[in-house]
């Protein structure tokens, strides 16, 4: 709050239900998205979980099964935040 949502520059799916994004604000956010598993279009398995892309605005992640989560949701659920420069 108080600023624009950072643009997603890259994404990885280290485990089923988890995502890690690198954002334009110089931070890496890791979050567990399993709280959304009751959403009907939530990816049903590991293979489906890895089939995603960043939307054209860099503000959301979209899975092939049509599940979508926005950058601010990932940031809000992040259980780990790192400065990208410090992590390198």
N, C-alpha and C. Protein backbone atom coordinates (compact mmCIF):
# COMPACT_ATOMS: atom_id res chain seq x y z
N UNK A 1 0.84 -1.18 0.00
CA UNK A 1 0.00 0.00 0.00
C UNK A 1 0.88 1.24 0.00
N UNK A 2 0.39 2.27 -0.57
CA UNK A 2 1.15 3.49 -0.62
C UNK A 2 2.07 3.57 -1.83
N UNK A 3 1.99 2.59 -2.71
CA UNK A 3 2.83 2.59 -3.89
C UNK A 3 2.28 1.63 -4.92
N UNK A 4 2.87 1.70 -6.09
CA UNK A 4 2.43 0.82 -7.17
C UNK A 4 2.90 -0.60 -6.92
N UNK A 5 2.16 -1.56 -7.43
CA UNK A 5 2.55 -2.96 -7.34
C UNK A 5 3.80 -3.17 -8.19
N UNK A 6 4.83 -3.81 -7.63
CA UNK A 6 6.04 -4.06 -8.43
C UNK A 6 5.76 -5.01 -9.59
N UNK A 7 6.45 -4.80 -10.68
CA UNK A 7 6.32 -5.65 -11.86
C UNK A 7 7.08 -6.95 -11.61
N UNK A 8 6.48 -8.06 -12.03
CA UNK A 8 7.13 -9.37 -11.92
C UNK A 8 8.11 -9.50 -13.09
N UNK A 9 9.36 -9.76 -12.77
CA UNK A 9 10.38 -9.91 -13.82
C UNK A 9 10.66 -11.37 -14.15
N UNK A 10 10.53 -12.24 -13.15
CA UNK A 10 10.71 -13.67 -13.39
C UNK A 10 9.95 -14.46 -12.33
N UNK A 11 9.70 -15.73 -12.65
CA UNK A 11 8.96 -16.59 -11.73
C UNK A 11 9.54 -17.99 -11.77
N UNK A 12 9.49 -18.66 -10.64
CA UNK A 12 9.84 -20.08 -10.58
C UNK A 12 8.85 -20.78 -9.66
N UNK A 13 8.73 -22.07 -9.86
CA UNK A 13 7.83 -22.89 -9.05
C UNK A 13 8.66 -23.98 -8.39
N UNK A 14 9.28 -23.69 -7.24
CA UNK A 14 10.19 -24.63 -6.61
C UNK A 14 9.52 -25.90 -6.06
N UNK A 15 8.23 -25.82 -5.77
CA UNK A 15 7.48 -26.98 -5.26
C UNK A 15 6.01 -26.74 -5.54
N UNK A 16 5.24 -27.83 -5.53
CA UNK A 16 3.80 -27.70 -5.78
C UNK A 16 3.20 -26.76 -4.74
N UNK A 17 2.49 -25.76 -5.22
CA UNK A 17 1.84 -24.78 -4.35
C UNK A 17 2.69 -23.58 -4.00
N UNK A 18 3.96 -23.60 -4.35
CA UNK A 18 4.85 -22.48 -4.03
C UNK A 18 5.30 -21.76 -5.30
N UNK A 19 5.45 -20.46 -5.18
CA UNK A 19 6.03 -19.65 -6.25
C UNK A 19 7.08 -18.73 -5.66
N UNK A 20 8.04 -18.39 -6.50
CA UNK A 20 9.04 -17.39 -6.16
C UNK A 20 9.08 -16.42 -7.32
N UNK A 21 8.89 -15.14 -7.01
CA UNK A 21 8.97 -14.12 -8.05
C UNK A 21 10.11 -13.16 -7.76
N UNK A 22 10.72 -12.67 -8.82
CA UNK A 22 11.66 -11.57 -8.70
C UNK A 22 10.93 -10.36 -9.24
N UNK A 23 10.89 -9.31 -8.45
CA UNK A 23 10.11 -8.12 -8.78
C UNK A 23 11.01 -6.95 -9.15
N UNK A 24 10.41 -6.01 -9.82
CA UNK A 24 11.13 -4.82 -10.27
C UNK A 24 11.60 -3.91 -9.15
N UNK A 25 11.18 -4.19 -7.93
CA UNK A 25 11.62 -3.37 -6.79
C UNK A 25 12.90 -3.92 -6.16
N UNK A 26 13.54 -4.91 -6.84
CA UNK A 26 14.81 -5.45 -6.35
C UNK A 26 14.66 -6.51 -5.28
N UNK A 27 13.46 -7.07 -5.15
CA UNK A 27 13.23 -8.09 -4.12
C UNK A 27 12.76 -9.41 -4.74
N UNK A 28 13.03 -10.49 -4.03
CA UNK A 28 12.55 -11.82 -4.40
C UNK A 28 11.57 -12.25 -3.31
N UNK A 29 10.38 -12.65 -3.73
CA UNK A 29 9.32 -13.05 -2.80
C UNK A 29 8.99 -14.52 -3.02
N UNK A 30 8.95 -15.29 -1.94
CA UNK A 30 8.57 -16.70 -2.00
C UNK A 30 7.29 -16.86 -1.18
N UNK A 31 6.30 -17.52 -1.78
CA UNK A 31 5.01 -17.64 -1.11
C UNK A 31 4.39 -19.01 -1.34
N UNK A 32 3.65 -19.45 -0.35
CA UNK A 32 2.87 -20.68 -0.42
C UNK A 32 1.46 -20.28 -0.84
N UNK A 33 1.02 -20.75 -2.00
CA UNK A 33 -0.31 -20.39 -2.51
C UNK A 33 -1.35 -21.49 -2.28
N UNK A 34 -1.03 -22.47 -1.45
CA UNK A 34 -1.96 -23.57 -1.20
C UNK A 34 -3.27 -23.11 -0.57
N UNK A 35 -3.30 -21.94 0.03
CA UNK A 35 -4.56 -21.44 0.59
C UNK A 35 -5.62 -21.22 -0.50
N UNK A 36 -5.18 -21.16 -1.76
CA UNK A 36 -6.11 -21.00 -2.88
C UNK A 36 -6.55 -22.33 -3.49
N UNK A 37 -6.16 -23.45 -2.91
CA UNK A 37 -6.43 -24.75 -3.52
C UNK A 37 -7.92 -25.07 -3.64
N UNK A 38 -8.78 -24.37 -2.90
CA UNK A 38 -10.22 -24.60 -3.03
C UNK A 38 -10.82 -23.89 -4.24
N UNK A 39 -10.03 -23.04 -4.91
CA UNK A 39 -10.49 -22.38 -6.13
C UNK A 39 -10.60 -23.45 -7.22
N UNK A 40 -11.73 -23.57 -7.89
CA UNK A 40 -11.93 -24.65 -8.86
C UNK A 40 -10.84 -24.79 -9.93
N UNK A 41 -10.23 -23.71 -10.36
CA UNK A 41 -9.22 -23.79 -11.43
C UNK A 41 -7.80 -23.90 -10.90
N UNK A 42 -7.63 -24.10 -9.59
CA UNK A 42 -6.29 -24.26 -9.01
C UNK A 42 -5.60 -25.45 -9.68
N UNK A 43 -4.34 -25.31 -10.06
CA UNK A 43 -3.65 -26.41 -10.74
C UNK A 43 -3.71 -27.70 -9.91
N UNK A 44 -4.17 -28.79 -10.51
CA UNK A 44 -4.43 -30.01 -9.76
C UNK A 44 -3.21 -30.85 -9.39
N UNK A 45 -2.06 -30.61 -10.04
CA UNK A 45 -0.89 -31.46 -9.77
C UNK A 45 0.39 -30.71 -10.12
N UNK A 46 1.51 -31.37 -9.87
CA UNK A 46 2.82 -30.76 -10.09
C UNK A 46 3.03 -30.35 -11.54
N UNK A 47 2.61 -31.20 -12.47
CA UNK A 47 2.78 -30.86 -13.89
C UNK A 47 2.02 -29.59 -14.25
N UNK A 48 0.78 -29.49 -13.81
CA UNK A 48 -0.02 -28.30 -14.10
C UNK A 48 0.55 -27.07 -13.39
N UNK A 49 1.14 -27.28 -12.22
CA UNK A 49 1.69 -26.15 -11.44
C UNK A 49 2.82 -25.47 -12.20
N UNK A 50 3.57 -26.21 -12.96
CA UNK A 50 4.73 -25.63 -13.65
C UNK A 50 4.37 -24.97 -14.98
N UNK A 51 3.12 -25.05 -15.40
CA UNK A 51 2.70 -24.47 -16.68
C UNK A 51 2.06 -23.10 -16.45
N UNK A 52 2.93 -22.09 -16.32
CA UNK A 52 2.44 -20.74 -16.05
C UNK A 52 3.30 -19.73 -16.78
N UNK A 53 2.81 -18.51 -16.83
CA UNK A 53 3.55 -17.41 -17.43
C UNK A 53 3.17 -16.13 -16.71
N UNK A 54 3.96 -15.12 -16.96
CA UNK A 54 3.70 -13.78 -16.42
C UNK A 54 2.82 -13.06 -17.43
N UNK A 55 1.77 -12.40 -16.96
CA UNK A 55 0.89 -11.69 -17.90
C UNK A 55 1.64 -10.56 -18.60
N UNK A 56 1.05 -10.02 -19.64
CA UNK A 56 1.74 -9.03 -20.47
C UNK A 56 2.06 -7.73 -19.75
N UNK A 57 1.42 -7.46 -18.63
CA UNK A 57 1.70 -6.25 -17.86
C UNK A 57 2.72 -6.49 -16.75
N UNK A 58 3.03 -7.76 -16.50
CA UNK A 58 3.96 -8.10 -15.42
C UNK A 58 3.33 -8.00 -14.05
N UNK A 59 2.01 -8.02 -13.97
CA UNK A 59 1.33 -7.83 -12.70
C UNK A 59 0.65 -9.08 -12.17
N UNK A 60 0.66 -10.17 -12.94
CA UNK A 60 -0.02 -11.39 -12.50
C UNK A 60 0.67 -12.62 -13.08
N UNK A 61 0.44 -13.74 -12.41
CA UNK A 61 0.86 -15.04 -12.90
C UNK A 61 -0.39 -15.75 -13.38
N UNK A 62 -0.28 -16.39 -14.53
CA UNK A 62 -1.44 -17.08 -15.11
C UNK A 62 -1.01 -18.51 -15.45
N UNK A 63 -1.79 -19.48 -14.99
CA UNK A 63 -1.52 -20.88 -15.28
C UNK A 63 -2.34 -21.32 -16.48
N UNK A 64 -1.89 -22.38 -17.13
CA UNK A 64 -2.59 -22.90 -18.31
C UNK A 64 -4.02 -23.32 -17.98
N UNK A 65 -4.27 -23.68 -16.74
CA UNK A 65 -5.62 -24.10 -16.32
C UNK A 65 -6.51 -22.90 -15.98
N UNK A 66 -6.00 -21.68 -16.22
CA UNK A 66 -6.71 -20.42 -16.04
C UNK A 66 -6.72 -19.90 -14.61
N UNK A 67 -5.98 -20.52 -13.73
CA UNK A 67 -5.79 -19.99 -12.38
C UNK A 67 -4.91 -18.75 -12.51
N UNK A 68 -5.21 -17.72 -11.75
CA UNK A 68 -4.46 -16.47 -11.82
C UNK A 68 -4.26 -15.92 -10.42
N UNK A 69 -3.08 -15.40 -10.19
CA UNK A 69 -2.77 -14.74 -8.92
C UNK A 69 -1.99 -13.47 -9.24
N UNK A 70 -2.30 -12.41 -8.53
CA UNK A 70 -1.68 -11.12 -8.80
C UNK A 70 -0.43 -10.93 -7.95
N UNK A 71 0.47 -10.10 -8.41
CA UNK A 71 1.73 -9.85 -7.72
C UNK A 71 1.49 -9.42 -6.28
N UNK A 72 0.52 -8.56 -6.05
CA UNK A 72 0.28 -8.10 -4.67
C UNK A 72 -0.20 -9.24 -3.77
N UNK A 73 -0.84 -10.27 -4.34
CA UNK A 73 -1.24 -11.43 -3.55
C UNK A 73 -0.01 -12.25 -3.17
N UNK A 74 0.89 -12.45 -4.12
CA UNK A 74 2.13 -13.18 -3.82
C UNK A 74 2.92 -12.43 -2.76
N UNK A 75 3.05 -11.13 -2.91
CA UNK A 75 3.79 -10.31 -1.96
C UNK A 75 3.14 -10.38 -0.58
N UNK A 76 1.82 -10.30 -0.53
CA UNK A 76 1.10 -10.35 0.74
C UNK A 76 1.23 -11.68 1.45
N UNK A 77 1.38 -12.76 0.70
CA UNK A 77 1.50 -14.10 1.28
C UNK A 77 2.95 -14.56 1.45
N UNK A 78 3.89 -13.71 1.07
CA UNK A 78 5.30 -14.11 1.10
C UNK A 78 5.75 -14.46 2.51
N UNK A 79 6.38 -15.63 2.62
CA UNK A 79 6.96 -16.03 3.91
C UNK A 79 8.48 -15.88 3.88
N UNK A 80 8.98 -15.43 2.74
CA UNK A 80 10.40 -15.13 2.61
C UNK A 80 10.57 -13.99 1.61
N UNK A 81 11.32 -12.97 2.02
CA UNK A 81 11.60 -11.82 1.15
C UNK A 81 13.10 -11.58 1.22
N UNK A 82 13.72 -11.48 0.05
CA UNK A 82 15.16 -11.25 -0.03
C UNK A 82 15.43 -10.08 -0.95
N UNK A 83 16.49 -9.35 -0.69
CA UNK A 83 16.99 -8.38 -1.63
C UNK A 83 17.74 -9.17 -2.70
N UNK A 84 17.43 -8.95 -3.96
CA UNK A 84 18.05 -9.73 -5.04
C UNK A 84 19.56 -9.53 -5.06
N UNK A 85 20.03 -8.30 -4.92
CA UNK A 85 21.47 -8.04 -4.94
C UNK A 85 22.18 -8.74 -3.80
N UNK A 86 21.57 -8.77 -2.62
CA UNK A 86 22.17 -9.40 -1.45
C UNK A 86 22.20 -10.91 -1.58
N UNK A 87 21.25 -11.47 -2.32
CA UNK A 87 21.15 -12.93 -2.47
C UNK A 87 22.16 -13.46 -3.48
N UNK A 88 22.67 -12.60 -4.34
CA UNK A 88 23.57 -13.05 -5.41
C UNK A 88 24.97 -13.32 -4.91
